[in-house]
Amino acid sequence: MTDGRTDLRERLAALTERVSGLATRLAEAAEGARQAGAIPPEALAHEIVAIRRDFDDLRARALEAAAALSLRPGAPPEALAGVGDLLRAIVEAERRKARQGALVEARDRALAVLDRVAALAHRQTNPFAPLVESQARARELRLTLASAPSGDVDEAIRAFAETTRPFVELLGVAEAHDVVDDERWALLHDSLVQVFPRPLVVAALRGQIGIGGQPARPAPPAAPVTAERPPVELRQAAPAPPRPVEKARPAPPKPAIDRRELERTAQWWLRASAAWRRLRDQGVSFADAAREELRKYPHLLSVPIQETTEHDGGRLAEGYALLLDHLERQEPGFVEAALDRLNPDLVRGASAEGSSLGRQLYDYAVAEGRLYRTYIDFVREVVASAIPDPGCWIEAGIAESEAETSVLTRPTARVGDTEQAWRRLTDDKARFTQHRFSTTVAPLTARVFSVDAVGDLEVTRDAEVKLTENDAPADRAWLVVFPGAGGEQAAALRRLRPAGIVVPELGKEYRGLRIAVFNPDPYTTKRYELILGLSRKPVPTAFARLAKSGSPRKKR
């Protein structure tokens, strides 16, 4: 428990003791009043007010702590026992959060190890087939670990360490081969050959493998000789015959990219990279480019990148210049170096193994561009730039007016469908409830949903947004909230919390919101359920308004 939580627990204990003492004194006062008609002392009334004030403050601080951890306790506790239960729930939530942080840290360490393996190179031979093979395994493992479900935290942390341990040992040998003695050499050799090709292990132990092919570390200089030695008789030795100088073997040429296959299977890359170069040469900002592309293709984010060539004669693929710009800003030179940095062995065998250059370029963007991690940020950049104007294609949504709730869906599953199907609800029970929308989101795509206030609402609404995946709370969504008419603030961007978010005062403070549900997994389709709940704020009665403003005083 943090210091702040410890303080709350101590205050709860102190307040519990005060309430216990107050109960004793109240019982004594009640007994005196019953037997002798004694009037309870005024100090008891003051003590009750003070305890109530301290209880309200303690409860408010506990609720703030719970909200910071996305806990939703329901109705505020009205007794010390309820506050105690809430504090215990906070402790448990903090424990889970700490364990989740440990899991993220362990995953990041494992991914960093595999990133360093990807940077290894042979100092004389490039490409070195055993190293290429092992790096391909490291990339596959990296993708698996990056998208692995949390499950049991302790087991996941152990799995991260166990699966990357051989790569840690390989890196250790590559970086410190010169300090490995013979006994350790044999142990490492016998251990590593169980996992990696023997030529790679031997090359690493001999100092032929390094990060980026960097030269081996020079051997430490010999210690200076301080002891005096007897003079040595010098004899003229016959000069040794000169050793023939071995010419360095040229590195094998990189396999040429088959231009015909590139044009046949990687049109998305050719179109997107050409559009990206135009944006770069014209100096167009990401925000301006996003607005322009979404104005032409509002459904851009909902189309898988390799399927963009099937839309509008392939021109939709040019919109993914935005994604390439995102990758380029993460790593300058990423786009222009793509074809040169493809795995040579994979390029040679692409056709033979049924793969394609288009798929290889997609895998390159995922692995080398770390899209499995940064796609979330890409979606955030796009929706922040293009919503509300010009906006995105809406898969489904709600339009709320004073008289009815209209639910929008699409009659077909086709992405970009312009046909609309409206269901109008006028019964309050059907209107002010949770409206559920199931959606299937392809890898590295997003689906956008809407909630809008139509016209003036006499009674404002609260809109609650939740997302689930396999019935478990999920946070894979960005929310953009628009201010009401005449509002001075700009649209607000928020990340959905697993517990959900409530947007209050719809129809007054806010006129609408957009929810961009995204799938950051590069290879697996996800199925989510979006829950949009509407509730109407109650109209205060005359008595409630009077109580809120204070009782009127009688005129004298």
Protein backbone atom coordinates (compact mmCIF):
# COMPACT_ATOMS: atom_id res chain seq x y z
CA MET A 1 0.00 0.00 0.00
CA THR A 2 1.37 3.45 -0.88
CA ASP A 3 1.90 6.13 1.76
CA GLY A 4 -1.40 7.79 0.79
CA ARG A 5 -3.28 4.53 1.16
CA THR A 6 -1.58 3.84 4.51
CA ASP A 7 -2.79 7.25 5.69
CA LEU A 8 -6.35 6.35 4.70
CA ARG A 9 -6.13 3.08 6.58
CA GLU A 10 -4.80 4.83 9.70
CA ARG A 11 -7.55 7.46 9.48
CA LEU A 12 -10.14 4.69 9.17
CA ALA A 13 -8.79 3.00 12.31
CA ALA A 14 -8.80 6.28 14.25
CA LEU A 15 -12.31 7.15 13.08
CA THR A 16 -13.55 3.67 14.00
CA GLU A 17 -12.21 4.16 17.51
CA ARG A 18 -13.90 7.59 17.77
CA VAL A 19 -17.23 6.16 16.60
CA SER A 20 -16.94 3.38 19.17
CA GLY A 21 -16.35 5.93 21.93
CA LEU A 22 -19.21 8.05 20.65
CA ALA A 23 -21.51 5.03 20.72
CA THR A 24 -20.65 4.46 24.39
CA ARG A 25 -21.32 8.09 25.31
CA LEU A 26 -24.57 8.13 23.33
CA ALA A 27 -25.72 5.01 25.17
CA GLU A 28 -24.92 6.65 28.51
CA ALA A 29 -26.76 9.83 27.49
CA ALA A 30 -29.75 7.78 26.35
CA GLU A 31 -29.83 5.92 29.66
CA GLY A 32 -29.66 9.22 31.60
CA ALA A 33 -32.47 10.66 29.51
CA ARG A 34 -34.60 7.55 30.03
CA GLN A 35 -34.16 7.35 33.77
CA ALA A 36 -33.93 10.98 34.87
CA GLY A 37 -34.87 12.98 31.78
CA ALA A 38 -31.32 14.31 31.50
CA ILE A 39 -30.66 16.42 28.42
CA PRO A 40 -27.71 15.06 26.33
CA PRO A 41 -24.74 17.43 26.47
CA GLU A 42 -24.28 19.77 23.49
CA ALA A 43 -20.74 18.42 23.08
CA LEU A 44 -22.22 15.16 21.78
CA ALA A 45 -23.93 17.01 18.93
CA HIS A 46 -20.68 18.76 18.03
CA GLU A 47 -18.85 15.44 18.12
CA ILE A 48 -21.41 13.84 15.81
CA VAL A 49 -21.00 16.69 13.30
CA ALA A 50 -17.19 16.44 13.47
CA ILE A 51 -17.23 12.66 12.99
CA ARG A 52 -19.65 13.00 10.07
CA ARG A 53 -17.41 15.63 8.47
CA ASP A 54 -14.32 13.44 8.87
CA PHE A 55 -16.20 10.42 7.54
CA ASP A 56 -17.31 12.33 4.44
CA ASP A 57 -13.73 13.46 3.81
CA LEU A 58 -12.34 9.94 4.30
CA ARG A 59 -14.97 8.48 1.99
CA ALA A 60 -14.28 11.12 -0.69
CA ARG A 61 -10.55 10.39 -0.60
CA ALA A 62 -11.17 6.65 -0.79
CA LEU A 63 -13.47 7.14 -3.79
CA GLU A 64 -10.83 9.30 -5.49
CA ALA A 65 -8.24 6.57 -4.94
CA ALA A 66 -10.66 3.98 -6.34
CA ALA A 67 -11.40 6.11 -9.41
CA ALA A 68 -7.67 6.50 -10.10
CA LEU A 69 -7.50 2.70 -10.32
CA SER A 70 -10.66 2.46 -12.48
CA LEU A 71 -12.64 0.87 -9.65
CA ARG A 72 -16.38 1.48 -9.70
CA PRO A 73 -17.76 0.66 -6.22
CA GLY A 74 -21.34 1.53 -7.12
CA ALA A 75 -23.16 3.52 -4.47
CA PRO A 76 -20.81 5.43 -2.12
CA PRO A 77 -20.40 3.61 1.21
CA GLU A 78 -22.52 4.98 4.05
CA ALA A 79 -20.72 3.22 6.91
CA LEU A 80 -17.16 2.65 8.08
CA ALA A 81 -17.43 -1.03 7.17
CA GLY A 82 -18.13 -0.05 3.55
CA VAL A 83 -15.12 2.27 3.52
CA GLY A 84 -13.01 -0.58 4.89
CA ASP A 85 -14.21 -2.87 2.10
CA LEU A 86 -13.37 -0.16 -0.44
CA LEU A 87 -9.85 0.28 0.95
CA ARG A 88 -9.28 -3.47 0.75
CA ALA A 89 -10.44 -3.41 -2.87
CA ILE A 90 -7.99 -0.56 -3.53
CA VAL A 91 -5.14 -2.58 -2.01
CA GLU A 92 -6.02 -5.55 -4.23
CA ALA A 93 -6.25 -3.33 -7.33
CA GLU A 94 -2.85 -1.81 -6.59
CA ARG A 95 -1.41 -5.29 -6.16
CA ARG A 96 -2.80 -6.31 -9.55
CA LYS A 97 -1.47 -3.11 -11.09
CA ALA A 98 2.00 -3.75 -9.66
CA ARG A 99 1.95 -7.31 -11.00
CA GLN A 100 0.84 -6.03 -14.38
CA GLY A 101 3.71 -3.53 -14.32
CA ALA A 102 6.14 -6.36 -13.56
CA LEU A 103 4.69 -8.29 -16.49
CA VAL A 104 5.13 -5.34 -18.87
CA GLU A 105 8.70 -4.85 -17.64
CA ALA A 106 9.51 -8.53 -18.17
CA ARG A 107 8.00 -8.44 -21.65
CA ASP A 108 9.97 -5.30 -22.56
CA ARG A 109 13.20 -6.94 -21.37
CA ALA A 110 12.48 -10.00 -23.49
CA LEU A 111 11.65 -7.90 -26.56
CA ALA A 112 14.82 -5.84 -26.07
CA VAL A 113 16.89 -9.04 -26.09
CA LEU A 114 15.29 -10.15 -29.36
CA ASP A 115 15.83 -6.69 -30.86
CA ARG A 116 19.55 -6.99 -30.09
CA VAL A 117 19.62 -10.42 -31.72
CA ALA A 118 18.18 -8.83 -34.87
CA ALA A 119 21.17 -6.44 -34.92
CA LEU A 120 23.79 -9.23 -34.91
CA ALA A 121 25.93 -9.72 -38.02
CA HIS A 122 28.89 -11.83 -39.13
CA ARG A 123 32.08 -9.78 -39.39
CA GLN A 124 33.29 -11.44 -42.60
CA THR A 125 30.36 -13.23 -44.23
CA ASN A 126 27.12 -11.43 -44.98
CA PRO A 127 24.58 -12.93 -45.12
CA PHE A 128 25.59 -15.75 -42.77
CA ALA A 129 22.86 -18.37 -43.23
CA PRO A 130 22.90 -19.87 -39.69
CA LEU A 131 22.56 -16.37 -38.22
CA VAL A 132 19.76 -15.46 -40.66
CA GLU A 133 17.88 -18.61 -39.64
CA SER A 134 18.23 -17.83 -35.92
CA GLN A 135 17.20 -14.21 -36.42
CA ALA A 136 14.06 -15.36 -38.22
CA ARG A 137 13.23 -17.51 -35.19
CA ALA A 138 13.86 -14.50 -32.94
CA ARG A 139 11.46 -12.38 -35.00
CA GLU A 140 8.75 -15.03 -34.81
CA LEU A 141 9.26 -15.32 -31.06
CA ARG A 142 9.13 -11.55 -30.74
CA LEU A 143 5.75 -11.36 -32.46
CA THR A 144 4.45 -14.16 -30.25
CA LEU A 145 5.64 -12.52 -27.03
CA ALA A 146 4.44 -9.06 -28.06
CA SER A 147 0.86 -10.28 -28.51
CA ALA A 148 0.82 -12.99 -25.84
CA PRO A 149 -2.17 -12.80 -23.45
CA SER A 150 -1.34 -12.00 -19.85
CA GLY A 151 -2.88 -15.08 -18.24
CA ASP A 152 -1.12 -16.02 -15.01
CA VAL A 153 1.33 -13.17 -14.38
CA ASP A 154 4.00 -15.20 -12.57
CA GLU A 155 3.88 -17.91 -15.21
CA ALA A 156 4.08 -15.33 -18.01
CA ILE A 157 7.11 -13.63 -16.42
CA ARG A 158 8.86 -17.00 -16.10
CA ALA A 159 7.97 -17.82 -19.71
CA PHE A 160 9.49 -14.55 -20.96
CA ALA A 161 12.75 -15.32 -19.15
CA GLU A 162 12.88 -18.99 -20.19
CA THR A 163 12.12 -18.48 -23.87
CA THR A 164 14.74 -15.75 -24.29
CA ARG A 165 17.50 -17.29 -22.12
CA PRO A 166 19.30 -18.97 -25.09
CA PHE A 167 19.33 -15.65 -26.96
CA VAL A 168 20.71 -13.91 -23.85
CA GLU A 169 23.55 -16.45 -23.74
CA LEU A 170 24.22 -16.01 -27.46
CA LEU A 171 24.43 -12.24 -27.02
CA GLY A 172 26.70 -12.67 -24.02
CA VAL A 173 29.09 -14.81 -26.06
CA ALA A 174 29.01 -12.40 -29.01
CA GLU A 175 29.77 -9.41 -26.79
CA ALA A 176 32.32 -10.98 -24.42
CA HIS A 177 33.86 -13.92 -26.26
CA ASP A 178 37.38 -12.75 -25.39
CA VAL A 179 36.91 -13.34 -21.65
CA VAL A 180 35.58 -16.90 -21.96
CA ASP A 181 38.04 -19.50 -20.64
CA ASP A 182 38.38 -23.00 -22.08
CA GLU A 183 36.11 -24.65 -19.53
CA ARG A 184 33.41 -22.03 -19.95
CA TRP A 185 33.89 -22.24 -23.75
CA ALA A 186 33.07 -25.95 -23.70
CA LEU A 187 30.04 -25.48 -21.46
CA LEU A 188 28.64 -22.68 -23.61
CA HIS A 189 29.28 -24.64 -26.78
CA ASP A 190 27.46 -27.72 -25.50
CA SER A 191 24.55 -25.62 -24.24
CA LEU A 192 24.09 -23.37 -27.27
CA VAL A 193 24.33 -26.09 -29.93
CA GLN A 194 21.18 -27.58 -28.42
CA VAL A 195 19.33 -24.48 -29.63
CA PHE A 196 21.32 -22.81 -32.43
CA PRO A 197 23.15 -24.15 -35.52
CA ARG A 198 26.68 -25.28 -34.60
CA PRO A 199 28.38 -22.96 -37.18
CA LEU A 200 26.71 -19.97 -35.54
CA VAL A 201 27.78 -21.04 -32.04
CA VAL A 202 31.39 -21.61 -33.14
CA ALA A 203 31.48 -18.28 -34.99
CA ALA A 204 30.17 -16.46 -31.92
CA LEU A 205 32.70 -18.14 -29.62
CA ARG A 206 35.49 -17.18 -32.03
CA GLY A 207 34.46 -13.53 -32.01
CA GLN A 208 33.12 -13.50 -35.56
CA ILE A 209 29.61 -12.34 -34.55
CA GLY A 210 28.91 -8.83 -33.28
CA ILE A 211 26.28 -6.12 -33.13
CA GLY A 212 26.01 -4.72 -36.62
CA GLY A 213 29.24 -6.48 -37.60
CA GLN A 214 31.30 -4.20 -35.35
CA PRO A 215 34.96 -5.21 -35.00
CA ALA A 216 35.94 -7.49 -32.19
CA ARG A 217 37.22 -5.85 -29.04
CA PRO A 218 41.02 -5.62 -28.99
CA ALA A 219 42.78 -7.88 -26.55
CA PRO A 220 43.92 -6.11 -23.38
CA PRO A 221 47.57 -4.96 -23.47
CA ALA A 222 50.10 -7.20 -21.78
CA ALA A 223 51.15 -6.19 -18.30
CA PRO A 224 54.51 -4.34 -18.21
CA VAL A 225 57.50 -6.47 -17.18
CA THR A 226 59.20 -5.08 -14.10
CA ALA A 227 61.64 -7.84 -13.14
CA GLU A 228 65.20 -7.52 -14.45
CA ARG A 229 66.26 -10.17 -16.95
CA PRO A 230 69.78 -11.32 -17.78
CA PRO A 231 71.13 -10.07 -21.08
CA VAL A 232 70.27 -12.27 -24.00
CA GLU A 233 72.72 -12.98 -26.78
CA LEU A 234 71.23 -11.79 -30.05
CA ARG A 235 71.69 -13.85 -33.15
CA GLN A 236 70.82 -12.86 -36.65
CA ALA A 237 68.01 -15.08 -37.88
CA ALA A 238 67.27 -15.70 -41.50
CA PRO A 239 64.31 -13.62 -42.61
CA ALA A 240 61.07 -15.55 -42.88
CA PRO A 241 59.61 -15.80 -46.35
CA PRO A 242 56.79 -13.32 -46.88
CA ARG A 243 53.33 -14.77 -46.31
CA PRO A 244 51.00 -14.47 -49.24
CA VAL A 245 48.31 -11.88 -48.64
CA GLU A 246 44.88 -13.46 -48.81
CA LYS A 247 42.46 -11.28 -50.66
CA ALA A 248 39.21 -10.61 -48.86
CA ARG A 249 36.37 -12.48 -50.42
CA PRO A 250 33.68 -10.15 -51.71
CA ALA A 251 30.34 -10.45 -49.98
CA PRO A 252 27.82 -12.35 -52.05
CA PRO A 253 25.54 -9.99 -53.95
CA LYS A 254 22.11 -9.37 -52.53
CA PRO A 255 19.40 -11.14 -54.47
CA ALA A 256 17.78 -8.85 -56.98
CA ILE A 257 14.19 -7.90 -56.29
CA ASP A 258 11.89 -9.33 -58.94
CA ARG A 259 10.19 -6.17 -60.21
CA ARG A 260 7.38 -8.12 -61.80
CA GLU A 261 6.56 -9.89 -58.54
CA LEU A 262 6.81 -6.57 -56.71
CA GLU A 263 4.24 -5.03 -59.05
CA ARG A 264 2.06 -8.13 -58.88
CA THR A 265 2.00 -8.75 -55.11
CA ALA A 266 3.07 -5.47 -53.49
CA GLN A 267 0.93 -2.83 -55.18
CA TRP A 268 -0.09 -1.57 -51.75
CA TRP A 269 3.55 -0.81 -50.95
CA LEU A 270 4.30 0.75 -54.33
CA ARG A 271 1.27 3.05 -54.15
CA ALA A 272 1.67 3.95 -50.47
CA SER A 273 5.40 4.64 -50.74
CA ALA A 274 4.94 6.75 -53.89
CA ALA A 275 2.23 8.79 -52.14
CA TRP A 276 4.47 9.15 -49.08
CA ARG A 277 7.29 10.57 -51.23
CA ARG A 278 4.89 13.13 -52.68
CA LEU A 279 3.85 14.21 -49.19
CA ARG A 280 7.49 14.45 -48.16
CA ASP A 281 8.52 16.46 -51.21
CA GLN A 282 5.57 18.84 -50.81
CA GLY A 283 6.17 19.30 -47.08
CA VAL A 284 2.61 18.28 -46.13
CA SER A 285 2.09 17.76 -42.40
CA PHE A 286 0.66 14.51 -41.06
CA ALA A 287 -2.49 16.25 -39.79
CA ASP A 288 -3.22 17.89 -43.15
CA ALA A 289 -2.53 14.64 -45.00
CA ALA A 290 -4.82 12.71 -42.64
CA ARG A 291 -7.69 15.14 -43.19
CA GLU A 292 -7.22 14.99 -46.96
CA GLU A 293 -7.09 11.17 -47.11
CA LEU A 294 -10.08 10.70 -44.77
CA ARG A 295 -12.05 13.21 -46.83
CA LYS A 296 -11.48 10.99 -49.89
CA TYR A 297 -11.72 7.64 -48.10
CA PRO A 298 -13.56 7.88 -44.76
CA HIS A 299 -13.27 4.09 -44.36
CA LEU A 300 -9.47 4.05 -44.76
CA LEU A 301 -8.75 2.85 -41.20
CA SER A 302 -11.21 -0.05 -41.58
CA VAL A 303 -9.53 -1.64 -44.63
CA PRO A 304 -6.63 -4.10 -44.04
CA ILE A 305 -3.51 -2.70 -45.65
CA GLN A 306 -2.96 -5.63 -48.04
CA GLU A 307 -6.59 -5.39 -49.23
CA THR A 308 -6.47 -1.69 -50.07
CA THR A 309 -5.70 -2.43 -53.71
CA GLU A 310 -9.19 -3.96 -54.03
CA HIS A 311 -10.82 -0.56 -53.40
CA ASP A 312 -11.24 2.28 -55.89
CA GLY A 313 -8.92 0.73 -58.45
CA GLY A 314 -6.12 0.44 -55.88
CA ARG A 315 -6.06 4.17 -55.10
CA LEU A 316 -7.15 3.57 -51.52
CA ALA A 317 -3.67 2.13 -50.86
CA GLU A 318 -2.23 5.62 -51.30
CA GLY A 319 -3.94 6.57 -48.06
CA TYR A 320 -1.56 4.28 -46.20
CA ALA A 321 1.14 6.82 -46.93
CA LEU A 322 -0.01 8.00 -43.49
CA LEU A 323 1.16 4.73 -41.96
CA LEU A 324 4.51 4.90 -43.75
CA ASP A 325 4.93 8.48 -42.53
CA HIS A 326 4.25 7.26 -38.99
CA LEU A 327 6.93 4.56 -39.38
CA GLU A 328 9.39 6.99 -40.98
CA ARG A 329 9.09 9.38 -38.06
CA GLN A 330 9.88 6.51 -35.70
CA GLU A 331 12.95 5.50 -37.73
CA PRO A 332 14.25 7.90 -40.42
CA GLY A 333 15.16 6.03 -43.61
CA PHE A 334 12.70 3.22 -42.91
CA VAL A 335 10.76 3.52 -46.18
CA GLU A 336 13.64 3.96 -48.64
CA ALA A 337 15.66 1.12 -47.06
CA ALA A 338 12.79 -1.35 -46.99
CA LEU A 339 13.62 -3.38 -50.11
CA ASP A 340 17.31 -3.55 -49.21
CA ARG A 341 16.57 -4.70 -45.66
CA LEU A 342 14.28 -7.57 -46.53
CA ASN A 343 15.63 -10.92 -45.39
CA PRO A 344 17.65 -12.19 -48.42
CA ASP A 345 16.78 -15.84 -47.78
CA LEU A 346 13.10 -15.00 -47.61
CA VAL A 347 13.27 -12.96 -50.80
CA ARG A 348 14.89 -15.90 -52.64
CA GLY A 349 12.32 -18.35 -51.39
CA ALA A 350 9.24 -16.16 -51.47
CA SER A 351 7.69 -17.72 -54.56
CA ALA A 352 8.85 -21.24 -53.73
CA GLU A 353 7.20 -21.15 -50.30
CA GLY A 354 3.96 -19.56 -51.49
CA SER A 355 4.75 -16.23 -49.86
CA SER A 356 5.06 -12.93 -51.70
CA LEU A 357 7.02 -9.72 -51.61
CA GLY A 358 3.84 -7.95 -50.60
CA ARG A 359 3.57 -10.17 -47.52
CA GLN A 360 7.30 -9.79 -46.80
CA LEU A 361 6.93 -6.01 -46.84
CA TYR A 362 3.95 -6.27 -44.50
CA ASP A 363 5.98 -8.45 -42.10
CA TYR A 364 8.84 -5.96 -42.37
CA ALA A 365 6.55 -3.09 -41.37
CA VAL A 366 5.20 -5.13 -38.45
CA ALA A 367 8.50 -6.42 -37.08
CA GLU A 368 11.05 -3.75 -37.97
CA GLY A 369 8.55 -0.90 -37.69
CA ARG A 370 7.18 -2.33 -34.41
CA LEU A 371 3.60 -1.82 -35.57
CA TYR A 372 2.41 -4.39 -33.03
CA ARG A 373 3.34 -1.75 -30.44
CA THR A 374 2.88 1.61 -32.19
CA TYR A 375 -0.34 1.00 -34.16
CA ILE A 376 -2.23 2.35 -31.14
CA ASP A 377 -0.38 5.65 -31.53
CA PHE A 378 -1.02 5.69 -35.28
CA VAL A 379 -4.79 5.42 -34.75
CA ARG A 380 -4.60 8.16 -32.12
CA GLU A 381 -2.80 10.48 -34.56
CA VAL A 382 -5.34 9.88 -37.32
CA VAL A 383 -8.50 10.31 -35.25
CA ALA A 384 -7.07 13.37 -33.49
CA SER A 385 -6.43 14.96 -36.90
CA ALA A 386 -9.54 13.88 -38.83
CA ILE A 387 -12.34 13.85 -36.24
CA PRO A 388 -14.74 15.66 -36.24
CA ASP A 389 -13.79 17.16 -39.61
CA PRO A 390 -13.92 15.46 -42.08
CA GLY A 391 -14.68 12.44 -39.90
CA CYS A 392 -14.52 8.67 -40.39
CA TRP A 393 -16.88 6.07 -41.80
CA ILE A 394 -19.31 5.07 -39.04
CA GLU A 395 -20.12 1.38 -38.67
CA ALA A 396 -22.95 1.96 -36.18
CA GLY A 397 -24.14 4.59 -33.76
CA ILE A 398 -26.84 6.37 -31.81
CA ALA A 399 -28.61 9.68 -32.50
CA GLU A 400 -30.37 11.01 -29.40
CA SER A 401 -33.17 13.59 -29.60
CA GLU A 402 -35.68 14.71 -27.01
CA ALA A 403 -38.44 12.55 -28.49
CA GLU A 404 -36.63 9.41 -29.65
CA THR A 405 -33.43 7.39 -29.78
CA SER A 406 -32.35 6.34 -33.28
CA VAL A 407 -29.94 3.42 -33.67
CA LEU A 408 -27.85 3.30 -36.85
CA THR A 409 -26.53 0.06 -38.34
CA ARG A 410 -25.31 -1.01 -41.78
CA PRO A 411 -27.41 -3.47 -43.81
CA THR A 412 -24.30 -5.29 -45.09
CA ALA A 413 -20.90 -6.23 -43.66
CA ARG A 414 -19.10 -4.44 -46.51
CA VAL A 415 -16.56 -1.91 -45.26
CA GLY A 416 -17.47 1.56 -46.50
CA ASP A 417 -21.14 0.68 -47.08
CA THR A 418 -23.06 3.95 -47.54
CA GLU A 419 -26.50 2.41 -46.98
CA GLN A 420 -28.04 3.06 -43.56
CA ALA A 421 -30.59 1.18 -41.48
CA TRP A 422 -32.27 3.17 -38.68
CA ARG A 423 -34.24 1.73 -35.77
CA ARG A 424 -36.26 4.38 -33.91
CA LEU A 425 -37.05 3.90 -30.21
CA THR A 426 -39.62 5.96 -28.31
CA ASP A 427 -40.22 3.85 -25.20
CA ASP A 428 -38.02 5.02 -22.31
CA LYS A 429 -37.12 1.47 -21.25
CA ALA A 430 -35.83 0.72 -24.73
CA ARG A 431 -34.07 4.08 -25.02
CA PHE A 432 -32.33 4.55 -21.69
CA THR A 433 -30.45 1.30 -21.41
CA GLN A 434 -27.32 -0.38 -22.77
CA HIS A 435 -27.16 -0.66 -26.56
CA ARG A 436 -24.77 -3.42 -27.69
CA PHE A 437 -22.87 -3.57 -30.98
CA SER A 438 -20.81 -6.60 -32.01
CA THR A 439 -17.94 -5.84 -34.38
CA THR A 440 -15.25 -7.85 -36.12
CA VAL A 441 -12.00 -5.92 -36.52
CA ALA A 442 -9.34 -7.18 -38.94
CA PRO A 443 -5.62 -7.02 -38.03
CA LEU A 444 -4.25 -3.47 -37.82
CA THR A 445 -7.59 -1.82 -38.58
CA ALA A 446 -10.17 0.21 -36.67
CA ARG A 447 -13.96 0.58 -36.65
CA VAL A 448 -15.60 3.87 -35.65
CA PHE A 449 -18.91 4.30 -33.80
CA SER A 450 -20.88 7.43 -32.92
CA VAL A 451 -23.17 8.97 -30.32
CA ASP A 452 -24.77 12.33 -31.21
CA ALA A 453 -27.23 14.71 -29.58
CA VAL A 454 -29.77 15.91 -32.16
CA GLY A 455 -31.30 19.32 -31.54
CA ASP A 456 -31.79 20.80 -28.08
CA LEU A 457 -32.26 18.34 -25.24
CA GLU A 458 -34.35 19.67 -22.38
CA VAL A 459 -32.86 17.01 -20.12
CA THR A 460 -29.21 16.15 -20.69
CA ARG A 461 -27.98 12.58 -21.04
CA ASP A 462 -25.03 10.65 -19.69
CA ALA A 463 -23.36 8.38 -22.24
CA GLU A 464 -21.43 5.38 -20.92
CA VAL A 465 -18.92 3.58 -23.16
CA LYS A 466 -17.59 0.08 -22.47
CA LEU A 467 -15.76 -2.48 -24.60
CA THR A 468 -15.38 -6.22 -24.08
CA GLU A 469 -13.40 -8.97 -25.78
CA ASN A 470 -14.49 -12.52 -25.00
CA ASP A 471 -16.67 -11.08 -22.20
CA ALA A 472 -13.62 -9.49 -20.54
CA PRO A 473 -13.20 -5.70 -20.20
CA ALA A 474 -11.01 -4.20 -22.94
CA ASP A 475 -9.41 -0.81 -23.56
CA ARG A 476 -8.76 -1.02 -27.32
CA ALA A 477 -10.49 2.22 -28.26
CA TRP A 478 -9.96 5.97 -28.52
CA LEU A 479 -12.76 8.42 -27.75
CA VAL A 480 -13.13 11.87 -29.32
CA VAL A 481 -15.65 14.08 -27.49
CA PHE A 482 -17.04 17.21 -29.21
CA PRO A 483 -17.98 20.32 -27.22
CA GLY A 484 -21.53 21.64 -27.32
CA ALA A 485 -22.71 24.49 -29.50
CA GLY A 486 -20.85 27.66 -28.63
CA GLY A 487 -18.30 25.74 -26.58
CA GLU A 488 -14.86 27.26 -26.61
CA GLN A 489 -12.88 24.10 -25.84
CA ALA A 490 -11.56 21.87 -28.62
CA ALA A 491 -12.55 18.25 -29.15
CA ALA A 492 -11.06 16.07 -26.40
CA LEU A 493 -9.24 12.79 -27.08
CA ARG A 494 -9.37 10.07 -24.43
CA ARG A 495 -8.19 6.45 -24.19
CA LEU A 496 -10.93 4.09 -23.10
CA ARG A 497 -10.34 2.49 -19.70
CA PRO A 498 -11.13 -1.19 -19.09
CA ALA A 499 -13.83 -0.12 -16.62
CA GLY A 500 -15.36 2.17 -19.24
CA ILE A 501 -15.91 5.93 -19.43
CA VAL A 502 -18.97 8.06 -18.71
CA VAL A 503 -19.40 11.22 -20.80
CA PRO A 504 -21.77 13.50 -18.86
CA GLU A 505 -24.00 16.32 -20.02
CA LEU A 506 -24.56 15.06 -23.58
CA GLY A 507 -26.71 17.68 -25.25
CA LYS A 508 -25.32 20.51 -23.14
CA GLU A 509 -21.58 20.37 -22.46
CA TYR A 510 -21.01 17.90 -25.32
CA ARG A 511 -22.86 17.38 -28.58
CA GLY A 512 -21.39 14.01 -29.54
CA LEU A 513 -18.55 11.54 -29.44
CA ARG A 514 -16.76 9.08 -31.71
CA ILE A 515 -15.34 5.76 -30.55
CA ALA A 516 -12.51 4.26 -32.64
CA VAL A 517 -12.21 0.56 -31.74
CA PHE A 518 -8.87 -0.78 -32.98
CA ASN A 519 -7.09 -4.12 -33.31
CA PRO A 520 -3.31 -3.80 -32.77
CA ASP A 521 -2.67 -7.50 -33.47
CA PRO A 522 -0.96 -7.73 -36.90
CA TYR A 523 -2.13 -11.26 -37.69
CA THR A 524 -5.30 -12.12 -35.73
CA THR A 525 -8.85 -10.84 -36.27
CA LYS A 526 -10.51 -9.65 -33.06
CA ARG A 527 -14.19 -9.69 -32.09
CA TYR A 528 -15.36 -7.01 -29.69
CA GLU A 529 -18.66 -5.94 -28.19
CA LEU A 530 -19.14 -2.20 -27.79
CA ILE A 531 -21.66 -1.17 -25.13
CA LEU A 532 -23.18 2.31 -25.37
CA GLY A 533 -25.39 3.16 -22.42
CA LEU A 534 -27.71 6.16 -22.25
CA SER A 535 -29.23 7.53 -19.07
CA ARG A 536 -31.35 10.61 -18.56
CA LYS A 537 -30.59 12.93 -15.68
CA PRO A 538 -33.63 13.24 -13.41
CA VAL A 539 -35.47 16.56 -13.35
CA PRO A 540 -35.20 17.96 -9.81
CA THR A 541 -38.52 18.36 -7.98
CA ALA A 542 -39.48 21.62 -6.32
CA PHE A 543 -38.63 20.11 -2.93
CA ALA A 544 -35.22 18.90 -4.21
CA ARG A 545 -34.45 22.31 -5.68
CA LEU A 546 -35.48 23.93 -2.40
CA ALA A 547 -33.28 21.59 -0.36
CA LYS A 548 -30.37 22.26 -2.66
CA SER A 549 -30.68 26.05 -2.42
CA GLY A 550 -31.47 26.12 1.34
CA SER A 551 -34.70 26.46 3.32
CA PRO A 552 -36.38 29.87 3.06
CA ARG A 553 -36.42 31.97 6.19
CA LYS A 554 -39.69 33.20 7.62
CA LYS A 555 -40.36 36.89 7.31
CA ARG A 556 -40.64 38.74 10.58
